[in-house]
Amino acid sequence: MLDATFENLHILVKSTIHFGYYFHTSGAVKNSKKQKKWLKKFRISAL
């Protein structure tokens, strides 16, 4: 029972990471300059 739960969780985490990576790369290619500026602003505001 516990093994099955772990397996499902692992699949969920993997698919989430794959989706996040795909989403990030597809958006980042188009908006790399905007994203870099935004990331710098975000890092500065986060600090």
N, C-alpha and C. Protein backbone atom coordinates (compact mmCIF):
# COMPACT_ATOMS: atom_id res chain seq x y z
N MET A 1 0.84 -1.20 0.00
CA MET A 1 0.00 0.00 0.00
C MET A 1 0.87 1.25 0.00
N LEU A 2 1.86 1.27 0.90
CA LEU A 2 2.74 2.43 1.01
C LEU A 2 3.60 2.58 -0.25
N ASP A 3 4.05 1.44 -0.80
CA ASP A 3 4.87 1.47 -2.02
C ASP A 3 4.09 2.07 -3.19
N ALA A 4 2.81 1.70 -3.30
CA ALA A 4 1.97 2.22 -4.38
C ALA A 4 1.78 3.73 -4.23
N THR A 5 1.61 4.19 -3.00
CA THR A 5 1.46 5.62 -2.74
C THR A 5 2.72 6.37 -3.14
N PHE A 6 3.86 5.80 -2.78
CA PHE A 6 5.14 6.41 -3.14
C PHE A 6 5.32 6.47 -4.66
N GLU A 7 4.92 5.38 -5.33
CA GLU A 7 5.04 5.30 -6.79
C GLU A 7 4.19 6.38 -7.45
N ASN A 8 2.96 6.54 -6.98
CA ASN A 8 2.06 7.56 -7.53
C ASN A 8 2.62 8.96 -7.29
N LEU A 9 3.15 9.18 -6.11
CA LEU A 9 3.73 10.47 -5.75
C LEU A 9 4.93 10.77 -6.64
N HIS A 10 5.76 9.75 -6.87
CA HIS A 10 6.94 9.90 -7.72
C HIS A 10 6.56 10.27 -9.15
N ILE A 11 5.52 9.60 -9.68
CA ILE A 11 5.03 9.88 -11.04
C ILE A 11 4.50 11.31 -11.11
N LEU A 12 3.76 11.71 -10.08
CA LEU A 12 3.20 13.06 -10.03
C LEU A 12 4.30 14.10 -10.02
N VAL A 13 5.31 13.88 -9.19
CA VAL A 13 6.43 14.83 -9.10
C VAL A 13 7.17 14.91 -10.43
N LYS A 14 7.44 13.75 -11.04
CA LYS A 14 8.14 13.72 -12.33
C LYS A 14 7.36 14.46 -13.40
N SER A 15 6.05 14.21 -13.49
CA SER A 15 5.24 14.86 -14.52
C SER A 15 5.15 16.36 -14.28
N THR A 16 5.09 16.76 -13.01
CA THR A 16 5.05 18.18 -12.66
C THR A 16 6.35 18.86 -13.09
N ILE A 17 7.48 18.21 -12.83
CA ILE A 17 8.78 18.76 -13.21
C ILE A 17 8.90 18.86 -14.73
N HIS A 18 8.46 17.80 -15.44
CA HIS A 18 8.51 17.81 -16.90
C HIS A 18 7.65 18.94 -17.46
N PHE A 19 6.44 19.09 -16.92
CA PHE A 19 5.54 20.14 -17.38
C PHE A 19 6.13 21.52 -17.10
N GLY A 20 6.67 21.69 -15.90
CA GLY A 20 7.28 22.96 -15.53
C GLY A 20 8.46 23.29 -16.41
N TYR A 21 9.27 22.28 -16.72
CA TYR A 21 10.44 22.47 -17.58
C TYR A 21 10.00 22.85 -19.00
N TYR A 22 9.00 22.12 -19.52
CA TYR A 22 8.49 22.39 -20.87
C TYR A 22 7.89 23.79 -20.94
N PHE A 23 7.09 24.12 -19.94
CA PHE A 23 6.43 25.43 -19.88
C PHE A 23 7.47 26.53 -19.80
N HIS A 24 8.50 26.33 -18.98
CA HIS A 24 9.55 27.33 -18.79
C HIS A 24 10.36 27.52 -20.08
N THR A 25 10.74 26.41 -20.72
CA THR A 25 11.57 26.52 -21.92
C THR A 25 10.78 27.12 -23.08
N SER A 26 9.53 26.73 -23.26
CA SER A 26 8.73 27.26 -24.36
C SER A 26 8.49 28.76 -24.18
N GLY A 27 8.30 29.18 -22.93
CA GLY A 27 8.11 30.60 -22.65
C GLY A 27 9.43 31.36 -22.64
N ALA A 28 10.48 30.70 -22.16
CA ALA A 28 11.77 31.38 -21.98
C ALA A 28 12.44 31.67 -23.31
N VAL A 29 12.22 30.81 -24.30
CA VAL A 29 12.84 31.02 -25.61
C VAL A 29 12.33 32.32 -26.23
N LYS A 30 11.02 32.56 -26.10
CA LYS A 30 10.41 33.76 -26.68
C LYS A 30 10.75 35.00 -25.87
N ASN A 31 10.74 34.86 -24.56
CA ASN A 31 10.84 36.03 -23.68
C ASN A 31 12.10 36.02 -22.82
N SER A 32 13.21 35.52 -23.38
CA SER A 32 14.42 35.36 -22.58
C SER A 32 14.92 36.69 -22.02
N LYS A 33 14.90 37.74 -22.84
CA LYS A 33 15.38 39.05 -22.38
C LYS A 33 14.45 39.61 -21.32
N LYS A 34 13.14 39.53 -21.58
CA LYS A 34 12.15 40.00 -20.60
C LYS A 34 12.29 39.22 -19.30
N GLN A 35 12.44 37.90 -19.43
CA GLN A 35 12.52 37.06 -18.25
C GLN A 35 13.77 37.35 -17.44
N LYS A 36 14.88 37.60 -18.12
CA LYS A 36 16.12 37.91 -17.40
C LYS A 36 15.97 39.20 -16.61
N LYS A 37 15.36 40.22 -17.24
CA LYS A 37 15.12 41.48 -16.55
C LYS A 37 14.19 41.25 -15.36
N TRP A 38 13.11 40.49 -15.61
CA TRP A 38 12.13 40.22 -14.55
C TRP A 38 12.77 39.43 -13.42
N LEU A 39 13.61 38.44 -13.77
CA LEU A 39 14.29 37.64 -12.75
C LEU A 39 15.22 38.50 -11.91
N LYS A 40 15.92 39.43 -12.55
CA LYS A 40 16.80 40.33 -11.80
C LYS A 40 15.98 41.17 -10.83
N LYS A 41 14.87 41.72 -11.31
CA LYS A 41 13.98 42.51 -10.44
C LYS A 41 13.46 41.65 -9.29
N PHE A 42 13.06 40.42 -9.63
CA PHE A 42 12.51 39.51 -8.63
C PHE A 42 13.56 39.17 -7.58
N ARG A 43 14.80 38.91 -8.02
CA ARG A 43 15.88 38.58 -7.08
C ARG A 43 16.19 39.76 -6.18
N ILE A 44 16.20 40.96 -6.76
CA ILE A 44 16.47 42.16 -5.96
C ILE A 44 15.36 42.38 -4.93
N SER A 45 14.11 42.22 -5.38
CA SER A 45 12.98 42.42 -4.46
C SER A 45 12.91 41.32 -3.41
N ALA A 46 13.39 40.12 -3.78
CA ALA A 46 13.39 39.00 -2.83
C ALA A 46 14.45 39.17 -1.75
N LEU A 47 15.54 39.88 -2.09
CA LEU A 47 16.62 40.09 -1.11
C LEU A 47 16.32 41.21 -0.15
